[in-house]
N, C-alpha and C. Protein backbone atom coordinates (compact mmCIF):
# COMPACT_ATOMS: atom_id res chain seq x y z
N MET A 1 19.05 -61.80 13.17
CA MET A 1 18.43 -61.27 13.61
C MET A 1 17.60 -60.50 14.38
N GLU A 2 18.66 -59.70 14.93
CA GLU A 2 18.64 -58.35 16.02
C GLU A 2 18.29 -57.14 14.43
N ALA A 3 18.78 -57.26 13.52
CA ALA A 3 18.50 -56.30 12.41
C ALA A 3 16.81 -56.20 11.97
N LEU A 4 16.34 -57.23 12.33
CA LEU A 4 14.82 -57.27 12.01
C LEU A 4 14.53 -56.37 13.44
N GLY A 5 14.48 -56.56 14.25
CA GLY A 5 14.20 -56.03 15.60
C GLY A 5 14.48 -54.84 15.41
N GLY A 6 15.81 -54.34 14.93
CA GLY A 6 15.71 -52.77 14.67
C GLY A 6 14.41 -51.90 14.01
N LEU A 7 14.34 -52.97 12.42
CA LEU A 7 13.29 -52.54 11.33
C LEU A 7 12.14 -52.94 12.20
N TYR A 8 11.47 -53.28 13.20
CA TYR A 8 10.71 -53.75 14.11
C TYR A 8 10.22 -52.65 14.35
N LEU A 9 11.48 -52.05 15.34
CA LEU A 9 11.20 -51.19 16.23
C LEU A 9 10.78 -49.62 15.32
N ALA A 10 11.40 -49.77 13.91
CA ALA A 10 11.39 -47.97 13.39
C ALA A 10 10.02 -48.48 12.40
N PHE A 11 9.56 -49.38 12.53
CA PHE A 11 7.85 -49.63 11.93
C PHE A 11 7.34 -48.96 12.67
N LEU A 12 7.38 -49.67 13.69
CA LEU A 12 6.20 -49.05 15.17
C LEU A 12 6.75 -47.94 15.22
N LEU A 13 7.68 -47.11 15.33
CA LEU A 13 7.37 -45.77 15.72
C LEU A 13 6.99 -44.89 14.39
N PHE A 14 7.58 -45.27 13.22
CA PHE A 14 6.94 -44.87 12.01
C PHE A 14 5.10 -45.07 11.90
N LEU A 15 4.68 -46.32 12.44
CA LEU A 15 3.31 -46.29 12.78
C LEU A 15 2.64 -45.18 13.56
N LEU A 16 3.04 -45.50 14.87
CA LEU A 16 2.63 -44.23 15.77
C LEU A 16 2.65 -42.78 15.25
N VAL A 17 3.92 -42.53 14.43
CA VAL A 17 3.94 -41.17 14.22
C VAL A 17 2.59 -40.92 12.99
N VAL A 18 2.02 -41.96 12.18
CA VAL A 18 0.60 -41.57 11.09
C VAL A 18 -0.09 -42.05 12.08
N ALA A 19 -0.10 -42.74 13.01
CA ALA A 19 -1.26 -42.36 14.15
C ALA A 19 -1.95 -40.93 14.77
N VAL A 20 -0.90 -40.50 15.69
CA VAL A 20 -0.57 -39.04 15.90
C VAL A 20 -1.11 -38.01 14.55
N LEU A 21 -0.53 -38.02 13.30
CA LEU A 21 -1.07 -37.38 12.50
C LEU A 21 -2.43 -37.52 12.43
N TRP A 22 -2.70 -39.29 12.17
CA TRP A 22 -4.30 -39.42 11.77
C TRP A 22 -5.33 -38.47 12.50
N ILE A 23 -4.73 -38.32 13.95
CA ILE A 23 -5.65 -38.31 15.17
C ILE A 23 -5.59 -36.40 14.88
N LEU A 24 -4.23 -36.18 14.90
CA LEU A 24 -4.40 -34.45 15.24
C LEU A 24 -4.75 -33.98 13.80
N MET A 25 -4.13 -33.95 12.78
CA MET A 25 -4.25 -33.24 11.67
C MET A 25 -6.28 -32.43 11.27
N PRO A 26 -6.76 -33.71 11.38
CA PRO A 26 -8.26 -33.17 11.02
C PRO A 26 -8.58 -31.59 12.27
N PHE A 27 -8.20 -32.09 13.63
CA PHE A 27 -7.95 -30.51 14.77
C PHE A 27 -7.51 -29.08 13.74
N ALA A 28 -6.14 -29.64 13.11
CA ALA A 28 -5.18 -28.50 12.61
C ALA A 28 -5.74 -28.10 11.00
N ILE A 29 -6.74 -28.79 10.52
CA ILE A 29 -7.52 -28.39 9.44
C ILE A 29 -8.57 -27.64 9.63
N PHE A 30 -9.98 -28.41 10.19
CA PHE A 30 -10.81 -27.51 11.25
C PHE A 30 -10.74 -26.39 11.91
N GLY A 31 -9.52 -26.71 12.69
CA GLY A 31 -9.71 -24.86 13.51
C GLY A 31 -8.94 -23.76 12.71
N THR A 32 -8.01 -24.00 11.91
CA THR A 32 -8.08 -23.12 10.38
C THR A 32 -8.92 -22.65 9.66
N LYS A 33 -9.77 -23.50 9.62
CA LYS A 33 -11.46 -23.08 8.90
C LYS A 33 -11.87 -21.59 8.90
N ASP A 34 -11.63 -21.62 10.68
CA ASP A 34 -12.79 -20.53 10.85
C ASP A 34 -11.81 -19.12 10.81
N ILE A 35 -10.78 -19.41 10.58
CA ILE A 35 -9.22 -18.41 10.57
C ILE A 35 -9.54 -18.08 9.28
N LEU A 36 -9.58 -19.07 8.47
CA LEU A 36 -9.62 -18.79 6.91
C LEU A 36 -10.69 -17.69 6.37
N ARG A 37 -11.91 -17.94 7.30
CA ARG A 37 -13.44 -17.55 6.35
C ARG A 37 -12.97 -16.10 6.96
N GLU A 38 -12.80 -15.91 8.67
CA GLU A 38 -12.48 -14.71 9.01
C GLU A 38 -11.64 -13.28 7.88
N LEU A 39 -10.32 -14.34 7.58
CA LEU A 39 -9.12 -12.93 6.89
C LEU A 39 -10.27 -13.17 5.32
N ALA A 40 -10.94 -14.05 4.84
CA ALA A 40 -11.67 -14.23 3.52
C ALA A 40 -12.65 -12.73 3.69
N ASP A 41 -13.85 -13.00 5.01
CA ASP A 41 -14.56 -11.89 4.89
C ASP A 41 -13.89 -10.73 4.76
N GLU A 42 -12.58 -10.68 5.90
CA GLU A 42 -12.10 -9.24 5.87
C GLU A 42 -11.30 -8.41 5.03
N GLN A 43 -11.16 -9.57 3.64
CA GLN A 43 -10.24 -8.90 2.29
C GLN A 43 -11.75 -8.61 1.79
N ARG A 44 -12.51 -9.20 1.83
CA ARG A 44 -14.05 -8.87 0.94
C ARG A 44 -14.58 -7.45 1.18
N ARG A 45 -14.03 -7.43 2.86
CA ARG A 45 -14.51 -5.89 3.23
C ARG A 45 -13.55 -4.86 2.98
N THR A 46 -12.45 -5.24 3.15
CA THR A 46 -11.15 -4.18 2.35
C THR A 46 -11.35 -4.00 0.77
N ASN A 47 -12.14 -4.74 0.19
CA ASN A 47 -12.14 -4.38 -1.48
C ASN A 47 -13.31 -4.04 -1.57
N ARG A 48 -14.12 -4.15 -0.80
CA ARG A 48 -15.09 -3.00 -0.75
C ARG A 48 -15.35 -1.65 -0.73
N LEU A 49 -14.08 -1.61 0.50
CA LEU A 49 -13.75 0.15 0.92
C LEU A 49 -13.38 0.42 -0.14
N LEU A 50 -12.26 -0.30 -0.80
CA LEU A 50 -11.46 -0.06 -2.21
C LEU A 50 -12.36 0.45 -3.30
N ALA A 51 -12.79 -0.46 -3.39
CA ALA A 51 -14.07 0.00 -4.38
C ALA A 51 -14.95 1.68 -4.33
N ALA A 52 -15.26 1.44 -3.19
CA ALA A 52 -15.85 2.82 -2.48
C ALA A 52 -15.08 4.06 -2.73
N LEU A 53 -14.08 3.90 -2.48
CA LEU A 53 -13.05 4.93 -2.12
C LEU A 53 -12.50 5.20 -3.91
N VAL A 54 -12.40 4.76 -5.15
CA VAL A 54 -12.12 4.42 -5.89
C VAL A 54 -13.18 5.44 -7.35
N GLU A 55 -14.20 4.69 -6.32
CA GLU A 55 -15.84 5.30 -7.13
C GLU A 55 -15.93 6.95 -5.82
N GLN A 56 -15.38 7.15 -5.41
CA GLN A 56 -15.49 8.40 -4.49
C GLN A 56 -14.17 9.43 -4.95
N ARG A 57 -13.26 9.50 -5.39
CA ARG A 57 -12.46 9.57 -5.64
C ARG A 57 -12.53 10.03 -7.11
N GLN A 58 -13.16 8.81 -8.39
CA GLN A 58 -14.06 9.44 -9.87
C GLN A 58 -14.99 10.29 -9.55
N ALA A 59 -16.02 10.30 -8.73
CA ALA A 59 -16.70 11.33 -8.71
C ALA A 59 -15.98 12.57 -8.84
N ALA A 60 -15.42 13.00 -7.70
CA ALA A 60 -14.80 14.08 -7.49
C ALA A 60 -13.33 14.47 -8.16
N ALA A 61 -13.62 13.65 -9.15
CA ALA A 61 -11.95 14.21 -10.64
C ALA A 61 -12.55 15.75 -10.62
N LEU A 62 -11.26 16.29 -10.73
CA LEU A 62 -11.36 17.27 -11.42
C LEU A 62 -11.57 17.13 -12.84
N PRO A 63 -12.25 18.35 -13.43
CA PRO A 63 -12.48 18.56 -14.85
C PRO A 63 -10.74 18.66 -15.47
N PRO A 64 -10.61 18.25 -16.61
CA PRO A 64 -9.42 18.70 -17.24
C PRO A 64 -9.15 20.72 -17.63
N MET A 65 -8.09 20.26 -17.21
CA MET A 65 -6.77 22.05 -17.05
C MET A 65 -7.55 22.46 -18.76
N ALA A 66 -7.69 23.66 -18.05
CA ALA A 66 -7.76 24.78 -19.63
C ALA A 66 -6.47 25.26 -20.42
N SER A 67 -6.44 25.81 -21.50
CA SER A 67 -5.54 25.27 -22.46
C SER A 67 -4.68 26.23 -22.08
N GLU A 68 -5.28 27.33 -21.31
CA GLU A 68 -4.51 28.55 -20.51
C GLU A 68 -4.47 28.18 -18.99
N PRO A 69 -3.29 28.43 -18.18
CA PRO A 69 -2.88 28.10 -16.81
C PRO A 69 -3.32 29.03 -16.28
N LYS A 70 -3.87 29.06 -14.90
CA LYS A 70 -4.40 29.65 -14.38
C LYS A 70 -3.14 30.61 -13.40
N ALA A 71 -3.46 31.94 -13.18
CA ALA A 71 -2.39 31.94 -12.11
C ALA A 71 -2.55 31.79 -10.49
N ALA A 72 -1.36 31.31 -10.03
CA ALA A 72 -0.90 30.66 -8.83
C ALA A 72 -1.47 31.47 -7.65
N PRO A 73 -1.94 30.52 -7.09
CA PRO A 73 -2.50 31.11 -5.77
C PRO A 73 -1.33 31.75 -5.09
N ALA A 74 -1.90 32.54 -4.23
CA ALA A 74 -0.52 33.17 -3.40
C ALA A 74 -0.25 32.35 -2.32
N PRO A 75 1.03 32.00 -2.11
CA PRO A 75 1.57 31.21 -0.88
C PRO A 75 1.15 31.56 0.06
N LYS A 76 0.97 30.55 0.81
CA LYS A 76 0.31 30.41 2.43
C LYS A 76 1.46 31.33 2.81
N SER A 77 1.14 31.88 3.99
CA SER A 77 2.32 32.63 4.73
C SER A 77 2.72 31.87 5.80
N SER A 78 4.30 31.66 6.14
CA SER A 78 4.16 30.79 6.86
C SER A 78 5.95 31.51 7.73
N ALA A 79 6.37 30.99 8.89
CA ALA A 79 7.30 31.49 9.38
C ALA A 79 8.94 31.12 8.74
N LEU A 80 8.61 29.49 7.43
CA LEU A 80 9.50 29.50 7.01
C LEU A 80 9.15 28.86 5.40
N PRO A 81 9.75 29.11 4.47
CA PRO A 81 9.64 29.40 3.19
C PRO A 81 9.59 28.22 2.42
N PRO A 82 9.17 27.13 1.42
CA PRO A 82 8.97 26.22 1.45
C PRO A 82 10.57 25.68 0.86
N ALA A 83 10.81 24.46 1.33
CA ALA A 83 11.99 24.18 0.71
C ALA A 83 12.13 23.46 -0.31
N PRO A 84 12.27 23.72 -1.78
CA PRO A 84 12.34 23.91 -2.72
C PRO A 84 12.89 22.33 -2.73
N ASP A 85 13.76 21.52 -1.80
CA ASP A 85 14.07 19.77 -2.58
C ASP A 85 14.10 19.79 -0.76
N ILE A 86 13.67 18.15 -0.45
CA ILE A 86 14.11 17.90 0.57
C ILE A 86 13.50 16.26 0.42
N ALA A 87 14.94 15.70 0.41
CA ALA A 87 14.99 14.21 0.08
C ALA A 87 14.09 13.81 -1.24
N GLY A 88 14.60 14.29 -2.15
CA GLY A 88 13.62 13.85 -3.65
C GLY A 88 11.97 14.85 -3.37
N LEU A 89 12.01 15.46 -2.31
CA LEU A 89 10.34 16.26 -2.52
C LEU A 89 10.64 17.96 -2.91
N VAL A 90 9.16 17.86 -3.47
CA VAL A 90 9.29 19.62 -3.60
C VAL A 90 7.90 20.16 -2.61
N VAL A 91 7.71 21.16 -2.10
CA VAL A 91 6.97 21.27 -1.14
C VAL A 91 6.23 22.58 -2.44
N CYS A 92 4.74 21.86 -2.48
CA CYS A 92 3.74 23.22 -3.46
C CYS A 92 3.95 24.63 -2.46
N GLY A 93 4.01 25.77 -3.64
CA GLY A 93 4.03 26.79 -2.81
C GLY A 93 2.35 27.58 -2.74
N GLY A 94 1.90 27.08 -3.30
CA GLY A 94 0.33 27.00 -3.42
C GLY A 94 -0.55 26.26 -2.44
N CYS A 95 -0.40 25.08 -2.35
CA CYS A 95 -1.29 24.28 -1.23
C CYS A 95 -0.40 23.48 -0.28
N GLY A 96 1.31 23.78 -0.28
CA GLY A 96 1.59 23.20 0.99
C GLY A 96 2.28 21.65 1.14
N LYS A 97 1.83 21.12 -0.11
CA LYS A 97 1.39 19.35 0.02
C LYS A 97 2.93 19.44 -0.91
N PHE A 98 3.81 18.10 -0.27
CA PHE A 98 4.82 17.28 -0.80
C PHE A 98 4.50 17.18 -2.47
N ASN A 99 5.50 16.98 -3.24
CA ASN A 99 5.34 16.33 -4.38
C ASN A 99 6.78 15.80 -4.85
N SER A 100 6.58 14.74 -5.51
CA SER A 100 8.32 14.13 -6.04
C SER A 100 8.64 15.34 -7.16
N ASN A 101 10.16 15.74 -6.82
CA ASN A 101 10.89 15.99 -7.47
C ASN A 101 10.34 16.27 -8.99
N LEU A 102 10.09 15.06 -9.31
CA LEU A 102 10.57 14.69 -10.94
C LEU A 102 9.04 15.29 -11.57
N PHE A 103 8.01 16.05 -10.80
CA PHE A 103 6.99 16.29 -11.15
C PHE A 103 7.21 18.17 -11.55
N THR A 104 6.50 18.92 -12.76
CA THR A 104 6.50 20.27 -12.51
C THR A 104 5.57 20.95 -12.13
N ARG A 105 4.33 19.88 -12.01
CA ARG A 105 3.26 20.78 -11.45
C ARG A 105 2.86 19.73 -10.48
N CYS A 106 1.95 20.75 -9.32
CA CYS A 106 1.66 19.80 -8.29
C CYS A 106 0.12 18.77 -8.28
N VAL A 107 0.78 17.99 -7.82
CA VAL A 107 -0.42 16.72 -7.65
C VAL A 107 -1.83 17.38 -7.12
N ASN A 108 -2.14 18.24 -6.16
CA ASN A 108 -3.03 18.09 -5.61
C ASN A 108 -3.63 19.48 -6.43
N CYS A 109 -3.13 20.84 -6.29
CA CYS A 109 -3.86 21.77 -7.02
C CYS A 109 -3.41 22.48 -8.78
N GLY A 110 -2.24 21.54 -8.96
CA GLY A 110 -2.17 21.69 -10.58
C GLY A 110 -1.13 23.41 -10.54
N THR A 111 -0.64 23.96 -9.39
CA THR A 111 0.73 25.27 -9.38
C THR A 111 1.74 24.64 -9.64
N ASP A 112 2.73 25.31 -10.69
CA ASP A 112 3.98 24.85 -11.28
C ASP A 112 4.72 25.01 -9.63
N LEU A 113 5.69 23.81 -9.75
CA LEU A 113 6.50 23.70 -8.83
C LEU A 113 8.00 23.88 -8.97
N PRO A 114 8.09 24.74 -8.00
CA PRO A 114 9.96 24.95 -7.87
C PRO A 114 10.68 23.81 -8.44
N THR A 115 11.87 24.35 -8.96
CA THR A 115 13.06 23.39 -9.41
C THR A 115 13.88 23.63 -8.38
N ALA A 116 14.95 22.65 -8.21
CA ALA A 116 15.78 22.11 -6.96
C ALA A 116 16.52 23.77 -7.01
N THR A 117 16.94 24.30 -8.20
CA THR A 117 17.52 26.07 -7.79
C THR A 117 16.54 26.82 -7.42
N GLY A 118 15.34 26.21 -7.06
CA GLY A 118 14.23 27.26 -6.39
C GLY A 118 13.35 28.06 -7.68
N GLN A 119 13.39 27.80 -8.64
CA GLN A 119 12.76 28.89 -10.13
C GLN A 119 11.73 28.01 -10.22
N LEU A 120 10.48 28.15 -10.59
CA LEU A 120 9.41 27.71 -10.87
C LEU A 120 9.65 27.41 -12.59
N SER A 121 8.93 25.88 -12.79
CA SER A 121 9.45 24.93 -13.76
C SER A 121 8.22 25.53 -14.83
N ALA A 122 9.09 25.33 -16.24
CA ALA A 122 7.70 25.77 -17.69
C ALA A 122 7.01 25.03 -17.24
N ALA A 123 5.82 25.67 -17.88
CA ALA A 123 4.61 24.97 -17.95
C ALA A 123 4.92 24.39 -18.99
N ARG A 124 3.94 23.10 -19.38
CA ARG A 124 4.11 22.27 -20.43
C ARG A 124 3.15 22.59 -21.55
């Protein structure tokens, strides 16, 4: 008989938990609806901005390089010479931008980049 009393108490506790969840769950679901809507709107705004950025970059795309490379522009005068290799980066002598040491030409201006030994890489 005592076992049934414990089972009855467990059943009442279960019903109490279900009742609390039944009451609180709609508030949790509907309370997050506005936040989810704001997140979706922000994602749409971000996608529009990214699409505009892609269109802008495509419109400003540089024409293909001529068969003969142009002479490299004179390096900018600075107190320090460009470091040939800084943690996997190479500084362009033409525009001063950092490039990966895997590249042979600057991604910004197309100038030949110095190698780790400081010599200009051969044009491909």
